[in-house]
Amino acid sequence: MIVIIKKKKLIRAVLLILAIGMMSLITNYSVTCFNNKQEPFYKGNKENSNHVAITCNVDWGNEYIEGILQTLKEENIKITFMVTGRWADKYPDLLMKIKEDGHEIGNHGYKHIDYSKLDYKSNYEEIEKSKKIIDNIIKEDTKFFEPPSGYYNESTVKAAVDLNYIPIKWTIDTIDWKYKDNPEKIVQRIKSKNMEESGIILMHPTKATSQALKSIIETIRNNGYEVGSLSDVFDVE
């Protein structure tokens, strides 16, 4: 009788441990489903993509967007524009122009602030507010989120994934906000970096970027890759 009771207790204990484990997996699934390190992706996860993605982060620089779009059209290239919610709300016509040109739109948060200093609730609210504005304008769900300035914490990643985003950063930063009057410096920087398949190159709408873009595209192609959007380097539905 005593042996039977012990076996029952053992079975109950094992079942309890399994139940707790399953609850833990469910609770943490939203954080780990894309990235076990609870970090944004620094490059795409698509094998044999033969692409390098370009992302253009937009919270300012409207005067250079038309030139960038023209170059992309001439080169027959579609990239991803990561826009803030406050920018999208203020310039919906320009956002639609980008989309109508066939480019992918991503979420860059509502305001351009330091998300690493926000708790989960504030991260979620910032990302969700931006999502509602952008998705309502372009009439489709955005798939990718990039924190402003690349600043994030685990709550940022969790909030993004809970909102069904793939959180990303970049492989190569042009630092064009710093070299905004020096296109040669931007091109030199791109050429000095190791180009990777499914890599992500970050840029902004600056004067120098608009002038350097053709050379950036040429550098990517000279490395044997095609230029594309985030959806070209990630496995997405």
C-alpha atoms as a PDB file:
ATOM      1  CA  MET A   1       0.000   0.000   0.000  1.00  0.00           C
ATOM      2  CA  ILE A   2       2.814   2.366   0.931  1.00  0.00           C
ATOM      3  CA  VAL A   3       4.611   1.579  -2.335  1.00  0.00           C
ATOM      4  CA  ILE A   4       1.448   2.375  -4.319  1.00  0.00           C
ATOM      5  CA  ILE A   5       1.043   5.753  -2.584  1.00  0.00           C
ATOM      6  CA  LYS A   6       4.659   6.631  -3.338  1.00  0.00           C
ATOM      7  CA  LYS A   7       4.199   5.723  -6.988  1.00  0.00           C
ATOM      8  CA  LYS A   8       1.087   7.871  -7.191  1.00  0.00           C
ATOM      9  CA  LYS A   9       2.918  10.774  -5.595  1.00  0.00           C
ATOM     10  CA  LEU A  10       5.808  10.288  -7.990  1.00  0.00           C
ATOM     11  CA  ILE A  11       3.476  10.278 -10.994  1.00  0.00           C
ATOM     12  CA  ARG A  12       1.703  13.394  -9.733  1.00  0.00           C
ATOM     13  CA  ALA A  13       5.034  15.134  -9.194  1.00  0.00           C
ATOM     14  CA  VAL A  14       6.191  14.275 -12.698  1.00  0.00           C
ATOM     15  CA  LEU A  15       2.910  15.484 -14.183  1.00  0.00           C
ATOM     16  CA  LEU A  16       3.149  18.701 -12.189  1.00  0.00           C
ATOM     17  CA  ILE A  17       6.690  19.332 -13.418  1.00  0.00           C
ATOM     18  CA  LEU A  18       5.613  18.690 -17.009  1.00  0.00           C
ATOM     19  CA  ALA A  19       2.653  21.034 -16.626  1.00  0.00           C
ATOM     20  CA  ILE A  20       4.872  23.791 -15.214  1.00  0.00           C
ATOM     21  CA  GLY A  21       7.330  23.248 -18.037  1.00  0.00           C
ATOM     22  CA  MET A  22       4.600  23.486 -20.656  1.00  0.00           C
ATOM     23  CA  MET A  23       3.258  26.685 -19.094  1.00  0.00           C
ATOM     24  CA  SER A  24       6.746  28.126 -19.132  1.00  0.00           C
ATOM     25  CA  LEU A  25       7.147  27.270 -22.807  1.00  0.00           C
ATOM     26  CA  ILE A  26       3.827  28.879 -23.651  1.00  0.00           C
ATOM     27  CA  THR A  27       4.668  31.970 -21.632  1.00  0.00           C
ATOM     28  CA  ASN A  28       8.059  32.357 -23.284  1.00  0.00           C
ATOM     29  CA  TYR A  29       7.100  31.239 -26.770  1.00  0.00           C
ATOM     30  CA  SER A  30       6.456  34.762 -27.992  1.00  0.00           C
ATOM     31  CA  VAL A  31      10.020  35.716 -27.093  1.00  0.00           C
ATOM     32  CA  THR A  32      11.824  32.647 -28.361  1.00  0.00           C
ATOM     33  CA  CYS A  33       9.839  31.696 -31.444  1.00  0.00           C
ATOM     34  CA  PHE A  34      12.093  33.788 -33.692  1.00  0.00           C
ATOM     35  CA  ASN A  35      15.291  34.060 -31.698  1.00  0.00           C
ATOM     36  CA  ASN A  36      16.380  31.963 -28.715  1.00  0.00           C
ATOM     37  CA  LYS A  37      18.766  34.704 -27.597  1.00  0.00           C
ATOM     38  CA  GLN A  38      15.839  37.121 -27.268  1.00  0.00           C
ATOM     39  CA  GLU A  39      17.621  39.543 -29.579  1.00  0.00           C
ATOM     40  CA  PRO A  40      16.703  41.036 -32.948  1.00  0.00           C
ATOM     41  CA  PHE A  41      18.075  39.357 -36.056  1.00  0.00           C
ATOM     42  CA  TYR A  42      21.264  40.961 -37.369  1.00  0.00           C
ATOM     43  CA  LYS A  43      20.856  39.149 -40.696  1.00  0.00           C
ATOM     44  CA  GLY A  44      18.191  37.133 -42.443  1.00  0.00           C
ATOM     45  CA  ASN A  45      17.488  33.477 -41.677  1.00  0.00           C
ATOM     46  CA  LYS A  46      16.738  32.386 -45.228  1.00  0.00           C
ATOM     47  CA  GLU A  47      19.176  29.863 -46.654  1.00  0.00           C
ATOM     48  CA  ASN A  48      20.391  30.312 -50.233  1.00  0.00           C
ATOM     49  CA  SER A  49      18.612  33.647 -50.577  1.00  0.00           C
ATOM     50  CA  ASN A  50      21.393  35.068 -52.781  1.00  0.00           C
ATOM     51  CA  HIS A  51      20.182  38.489 -51.587  1.00  0.00           C
ATOM     52  CA  VAL A  52      21.393  41.314 -49.410  1.00  0.00           C
ATOM     53  CA  ALA A  53      18.562  43.426 -48.033  1.00  0.00           C
ATOM     54  CA  ILE A  54      18.582  47.202 -47.756  1.00  0.00           C
ATOM     55  CA  THR A  55      16.503  48.934 -45.117  1.00  0.00           C
ATOM     56  CA  CYS A  56      15.889  52.677 -45.190  1.00  0.00           C
ATOM     57  CA  ASN A  57      14.847  54.025 -41.785  1.00  0.00           C
ATOM     58  CA  VAL A  58      12.525  57.012 -42.105  1.00  0.00           C
ATOM     59  CA  ASP A  59      11.674  59.573 -39.436  1.00  0.00           C
ATOM     60  CA  TRP A  60      12.990  62.579 -41.385  1.00  0.00           C
ATOM     61  CA  GLY A  61      14.692  63.320 -44.717  1.00  0.00           C
ATOM     62  CA  ASN A  62      11.595  63.657 -46.899  1.00  0.00           C
ATOM     63  CA  GLU A  63      13.453  65.865 -49.373  1.00  0.00           C
ATOM     64  CA  TYR A  64      15.703  62.947 -50.368  1.00  0.00           C
ATOM     65  CA  ILE A  65      13.132  60.160 -50.571  1.00  0.00           C
ATOM     66  CA  GLU A  66      12.009  60.944 -54.126  1.00  0.00           C
ATOM     67  CA  GLY A  67      15.611  60.741 -55.360  1.00  0.00           C
ATOM     68  CA  ILE A  68      16.138  57.432 -53.579  1.00  0.00           C
ATOM     69  CA  LEU A  69      12.921  56.057 -55.076  1.00  0.00           C
ATOM     70  CA  GLN A  70      13.990  57.156 -58.542  1.00  0.00           C
ATOM     71  CA  THR A  71      17.343  55.385 -58.255  1.00  0.00           C
ATOM     72  CA  LEU A  72      15.666  52.220 -56.995  1.00  0.00           C
ATOM     73  CA  LYS A  73      13.235  52.355 -59.906  1.00  0.00           C
ATOM     74  CA  GLU A  74      16.060  52.787 -62.415  1.00  0.00           C
ATOM     75  CA  GLU A  75      17.876  49.800 -60.889  1.00  0.00           C
ATOM     76  CA  ASN A  76      14.644  47.737 -60.716  1.00  0.00           C
ATOM     77  CA  ILE A  77      15.116  47.124 -56.983  1.00  0.00           C
ATOM     78  CA  LYS A  78      12.606  46.824 -54.145  1.00  0.00           C
ATOM     79  CA  ILE A  79      13.831  47.403 -50.576  1.00  0.00           C
ATOM     80  CA  THR A  80      12.260  47.804 -47.126  1.00  0.00           C
ATOM     81  CA  PHE A  81      11.418  51.224 -45.721  1.00  0.00           C
ATOM     82  CA  MET A  82      11.192  51.119 -41.911  1.00  0.00           C
ATOM     83  CA  VAL A  83       9.041  54.100 -40.904  1.00  0.00           C
ATOM     84  CA  THR A  84       8.026  55.581 -37.575  1.00  0.00           C
ATOM     85  CA  GLY A  85       4.339  55.850 -36.756  1.00  0.00           C
ATOM     86  CA  ARG A  86       4.528  59.591 -36.167  1.00  0.00           C
ATOM     87  CA  TRP A  87       6.130  60.079 -39.602  1.00  0.00           C
ATOM     88  CA  ALA A  88       3.534  57.871 -41.298  1.00  0.00           C
ATOM     89  CA  ASP A  89       0.733  59.764 -39.574  1.00  0.00           C
ATOM     90  CA  LYS A  90       2.141  63.087 -40.778  1.00  0.00           C
ATOM     91  CA  TYR A  91       3.064  62.021 -44.328  1.00  0.00           C
ATOM     92  CA  PRO A  92       0.594  59.308 -45.411  1.00  0.00           C
ATOM     93  CA  ASP A  93       0.778  60.352 -49.075  1.00  0.00           C
ATOM     94  CA  LEU A  94       4.548  59.898 -49.185  1.00  0.00           C
ATOM     95  CA  LEU A  95       4.222  56.546 -47.405  1.00  0.00           C
ATOM     96  CA  MET A  96       1.713  55.424 -50.028  1.00  0.00           C
ATOM     97  CA  LYS A  97       4.045  56.619 -52.791  1.00  0.00           C
ATOM     98  CA  ILE A  98       6.750  54.325 -51.363  1.00  0.00           C
ATOM     99  CA  LYS A  99       4.324  51.410 -51.204  1.00  0.00           C
ATOM    100  CA  GLU A 100       2.912  52.045 -54.678  1.00  0.00           C
ATOM    101  CA  ASP A 101       6.454  51.887 -56.024  1.00  0.00           C
ATOM    102  CA  GLY A 102       6.460  48.281 -54.772  1.00  0.00           C
ATOM    103  CA  HIS A 103       8.641  48.653 -51.694  1.00  0.00           C
ATOM    104  CA  GLU A 104       8.083  46.805 -48.434  1.00  0.00           C
ATOM    105  CA  ILE A 105       7.031  48.801 -45.371  1.00  0.00           C
ATOM    106  CA  GLY A 106       8.206  47.991 -41.835  1.00  0.00           C
ATOM    107  CA  ASN A 107       7.590  49.367 -38.342  1.00  0.00           C
ATOM    108  CA  HIS A 108      10.257  51.613 -36.776  1.00  0.00           C
ATOM    109  CA  GLY A 109       8.265  52.358 -33.633  1.00  0.00           C
ATOM    110  CA  TYR A 110       5.997  55.336 -33.033  1.00  0.00           C
ATOM    111  CA  LYS A 111       8.549  57.849 -31.744  1.00  0.00           C
ATOM    112  CA  HIS A 112      12.310  57.800 -32.328  1.00  0.00           C
ATOM    113  CA  ILE A 113      13.250  57.233 -28.683  1.00  0.00           C
ATOM    114  CA  ASP A 114      15.441  54.834 -26.690  1.00  0.00           C
ATOM    115  CA  TYR A 115      13.357  51.645 -26.395  1.00  0.00           C
ATOM    116  CA  SER A 116      15.967  49.996 -24.174  1.00  0.00           C
ATOM    117  CA  LYS A 117      14.786  52.290 -21.363  1.00  0.00           C
ATOM    118  CA  LEU A 118      11.141  51.230 -21.689  1.00  0.00           C
ATOM    119  CA  ASP A 119       9.387  48.455 -19.788  1.00  0.00           C
ATOM    120  CA  TYR A 120       7.298  45.821 -21.570  1.00  0.00           C
ATOM    121  CA  LYS A 121       4.043  47.816 -21.410  1.00  0.00           C
ATOM    122  CA  SER A 122       5.608  50.965 -22.853  1.00  0.00           C
ATOM    123  CA  ASN A 123       7.437  49.013 -25.562  1.00  0.00           C
ATOM    124  CA  TYR A 124       4.225  47.269 -26.535  1.00  0.00           C
ATOM    125  CA  GLU A 125       2.250  50.513 -26.632  1.00  0.00           C
ATOM    126  CA  GLU A 126       4.848  52.308 -28.787  1.00  0.00           C
ATOM    127  CA  ILE A 127       5.101  49.464 -31.290  1.00  0.00           C
ATOM    128  CA  GLU A 128       1.356  48.812 -31.381  1.00  0.00           C
ATOM    129  CA  LYS A 129       0.495  52.493 -31.852  1.00  0.00           C
ATOM    130  CA  SER A 130       2.842  52.655 -34.818  1.00  0.00           C
ATOM    131  CA  LYS A 131       1.493  49.382 -36.220  1.00  0.00           C
ATOM    132  CA  LYS A 132      -2.100  50.621 -36.182  1.00  0.00           C
ATOM    133  CA  ILE A 133      -1.203  53.850 -37.991  1.00  0.00           C
ATOM    134  CA  ILE A 134       1.023  52.268 -40.643  1.00  0.00           C
ATOM    135  CA  ASP A 135      -1.136  49.191 -41.304  1.00  0.00           C
ATOM    136  CA  ASN A 136      -4.245  51.365 -41.611  1.00  0.00           C
ATOM    137  CA  ILE A 137      -2.585  53.559 -44.226  1.00  0.00           C
ATOM    138  CA  ILE A 138      -1.055  50.820 -46.372  1.00  0.00           C
ATOM    139  CA  LYS A 139      -3.953  48.394 -45.803  1.00  0.00           C
ATOM    140  CA  GLU A 140      -1.772  45.405 -44.960  1.00  0.00           C
ATOM    141  CA  ASP A 141       0.072  43.969 -41.978  1.00  0.00           C
ATOM    142  CA  THR A 142       3.670  45.011 -41.499  1.00  0.00           C
ATOM    143  CA  LYS A 143       5.985  42.057 -40.793  1.00  0.00           C
ATOM    144  CA  PHE A 144       9.210  43.586 -39.481  1.00  0.00           C
ATOM    145  CA  PHE A 145      10.098  45.829 -36.554  1.00  0.00           C
ATOM    146  CA  GLU A 146      13.369  47.656 -36.003  1.00  0.00           C
ATOM    147  CA  PRO A 147      13.944  49.634 -32.781  1.00  0.00           C
ATOM    148  CA  PRO A 148      15.005  53.263 -33.283  1.00  0.00           C
ATOM    149  CA  SER A 149      18.807  53.672 -33.186  1.00  0.00           C
ATOM    150  CA  GLY A 150      18.968  49.904 -32.621  1.00  0.00           C
ATOM    151  CA  TYR A 151      18.372  50.360 -28.879  1.00  0.00           C
ATOM    152  CA  TYR A 152      16.384  47.542 -27.287  1.00  0.00           C
ATOM    153  CA  ASN A 153      16.007  45.297 -24.252  1.00  0.00           C
ATOM    154  CA  GLU A 154      14.364  41.902 -23.828  1.00  0.00           C
ATOM    155  CA  SER A 155      10.999  43.598 -23.296  1.00  0.00           C
ATOM    156  CA  THR A 156      11.357  45.311 -26.678  1.00  0.00           C
ATOM    157  CA  VAL A 157      11.909  41.987 -28.414  1.00  0.00           C
ATOM    158  CA  LYS A 158       9.102  40.274 -26.516  1.00  0.00           C
ATOM    159  CA  ALA A 159       6.648  43.081 -27.254  1.00  0.00           C
ATOM    160  CA  ALA A 160       7.567  43.052 -30.944  1.00  0.00           C
ATOM    161  CA  VAL A 161       7.130  39.295 -31.278  1.00  0.00           C
ATOM    162  CA  ASP A 162       3.885  39.404 -29.277  1.00  0.00           C
ATOM    163  CA  LEU A 163       2.651  41.786 -31.970  1.00  0.00           C
ATOM    164  CA  ASN A 164       3.647  39.204 -34.634  1.00  0.00           C
ATOM    165  CA  TYR A 165       6.766  41.050 -35.779  1.00  0.00           C
ATOM    166  CA  ILE A 166      10.160  39.720 -36.733  1.00  0.00           C
ATOM    167  CA  PRO A 167      12.524  42.025 -34.804  1.00  0.00           C
ATOM    168  CA  ILE A 168      15.599  43.047 -36.806  1.00  0.00           C
ATOM    169  CA  LYS A 169      18.712  45.211 -36.680  1.00  0.00           C
ATOM    170  CA  TRP A 170      21.408  45.186 -39.359  1.00  0.00           C
ATOM    171  CA  THR A 171      24.613  43.564 -40.548  1.00  0.00           C
ATOM    172  CA  ILE A 172      26.225  46.716 -41.957  1.00  0.00           C
ATOM    173  CA  ASP A 173      25.445  50.279 -40.874  1.00  0.00           C
ATOM    174  CA  THR A 174      26.258  52.981 -43.441  1.00  0.00           C
ATOM    175  CA  ILE A 175      26.335  55.570 -40.605  1.00  0.00           C
ATOM    176  CA  ASP A 176      25.007  57.941 -43.258  1.00  0.00           C
ATOM    177  CA  TRP A 177      23.474  60.169 -40.574  1.00  0.00           C
ATOM    178  CA  LYS A 178      27.074  60.993 -39.637  1.00  0.00           C
ATOM    179  CA  TYR A 179      28.422  61.198 -43.192  1.00  0.00           C
ATOM    180  CA  LYS A 180      25.330  62.880 -44.620  1.00  0.00           C
ATOM    181  CA  ASP A 181      27.450  65.193 -46.798  1.00  0.00           C
ATOM    182  CA  ASN A 182      30.081  62.627 -47.726  1.00  0.00           C
ATOM    183  CA  PRO A 183      28.864  59.950 -50.184  1.00  0.00           C
ATOM    184  CA  GLU A 184      32.419  58.724 -50.805  1.00  0.00           C
ATOM    185  CA  LYS A 185      32.803  57.874 -47.113  1.00  0.00           C
ATOM    186  CA  ILE A 186      29.593  55.851 -47.176  1.00  0.00           C
ATOM    187  CA  VAL A 187      30.708  53.863 -50.228  1.00  0.00           C
ATOM    188  CA  GLN A 188      34.144  53.251 -48.701  1.00  0.00           C
ATOM    189  CA  ARG A 189      32.515  51.964 -45.543  1.00  0.00           C
ATOM    190  CA  ILE A 190      30.309  49.516 -47.451  1.00  0.00           C
ATOM    191  CA  LYS A 191      33.279  48.249 -49.463  1.00  0.00           C
ATOM    192  CA  SER A 192      35.359  47.746 -46.310  1.00  0.00           C
ATOM    193  CA  LYS A 193      32.769  45.468 -44.679  1.00  0.00           C
ATOM    194  CA  ASN A 194      32.303  41.751 -45.154  1.00  0.00           C
ATOM    195  CA  MET A 195      29.296  41.270 -47.417  1.00  0.00           C
ATOM    196  CA  GLU A 196      27.162  38.280 -46.342  1.00  0.00           C
ATOM    197  CA  GLU A 197      24.327  36.417 -47.979  1.00  0.00           C
ATOM    198  CA  SER A 198      21.052  37.438 -46.298  1.00  0.00           C
ATOM    199  CA  GLY A 199      22.840  40.404 -44.751  1.00  0.00           C
ATOM    200  CA  ILE A 200      21.047  43.659 -43.961  1.00  0.00           C
ATOM    201  CA  ILE A 201      22.424  47.085 -44.888  1.00  0.00           C
ATOM    202  CA  LEU A 202      20.999  50.048 -42.987  1.00  0.00           C
ATOM    203  CA  MET A 203      20.629  53.485 -44.526  1.00  0.00           C
ATOM    204  CA  HIS A 204      18.614  56.696 -44.077  1.00  0.00           C
ATOM    205  CA  PRO A 205      17.245  59.316 -46.470  1.00  0.00           C
ATOM    206  CA  THR A 206      20.206  61.716 -46.526  1.00  0.00           C
ATOM    207  CA  LYS A 207      21.753  63.728 -49.345  1.00  0.00           C
ATOM    208  CA  ALA A 208      24.897  61.584 -49.334  1.00  0.00           C
ATOM    209  CA  THR A 209      22.872  58.358 -49.340  1.00  0.00           C
ATOM    210  CA  SER A 210      20.875  59.452 -52.375  1.00  0.00           C
ATOM    211  CA  GLN A 211      24.185  60.196 -54.125  1.00  0.00           C
ATOM    212  CA  ALA A 212      25.890  56.973 -52.999  1.00  0.00           C
ATOM    213  CA  LEU A 213      22.997  54.566 -53.555  1.00  0.00           C
ATOM    214  CA  LYS A 214      23.973  53.449 -57.057  1.00  0.00           C
ATOM    215  CA  SER A 215      27.488  52.667 -55.844  1.00  0.00           C
ATOM    216  CA  ILE A 216      26.084  50.749 -52.855  1.00  0.00           C
ATOM    217  CA  ILE A 217      23.944  48.673 -55.200  1.00  0.00           C
ATOM    218  CA  GLU A 218      26.912  48.097 -57.521  1.00  0.00           C
ATOM    219  CA  THR A 219      29.060  46.949 -54.571  1.00  0.00           C
ATOM    220  CA  ILE A 220      26.443  44.418 -53.502  1.00  0.00           C
ATOM    221  CA  ARG A 221      26.146  43.082 -57.032  1.00  0.00           C
ATOM    222  CA  ASN A 222      29.916  42.917 -57.450  1.00  0.00           C
ATOM    223  CA  ASN A 223      29.954  40.626 -54.418  1.00  0.00           C
ATOM    224  CA  GLY A 224      27.649  38.247 -56.283  1.00  0.00           C
ATOM    225  CA  TYR A 225      24.367  39.123 -54.561  1.00  0.00           C
ATOM    226  CA  GLU A 226      21.051  40.570 -55.608  1.00  0.00           C
ATOM    227  CA  VAL A 227      19.631  43.577 -53.757  1.00  0.00           C
ATOM    228  CA  GLY A 228      16.265  43.143 -52.086  1.00  0.00           C
ATOM    229  CA  SER A 229      13.921  43.629 -49.175  1.00  0.00           C
ATOM    230  CA  LEU A 230      13.762  41.939 -45.773  1.00  0.00           C
ATOM    231  CA  SER A 231      11.249  39.456 -47.141  1.00  0.00           C
ATOM    232  CA  ASP A 232      13.939  38.335 -49.597  1.00  0.00           C
ATOM    233  CA  VAL A 233      16.270  37.301 -46.756  1.00  0.00           C
ATOM    234  CA  PHE A 234      13.770  35.990 -44.182  1.00  0.00           C
ATOM    235  CA  ASP A 235      11.493  32.974 -44.266  1.00  0.00           C
ATOM    236  CA  VAL A 236       8.094  34.617 -43.912  1.00  0.00           C
ATOM    237  CA  GLU A 237       4.616  33.417 -44.726  1.00  0.00           C
END
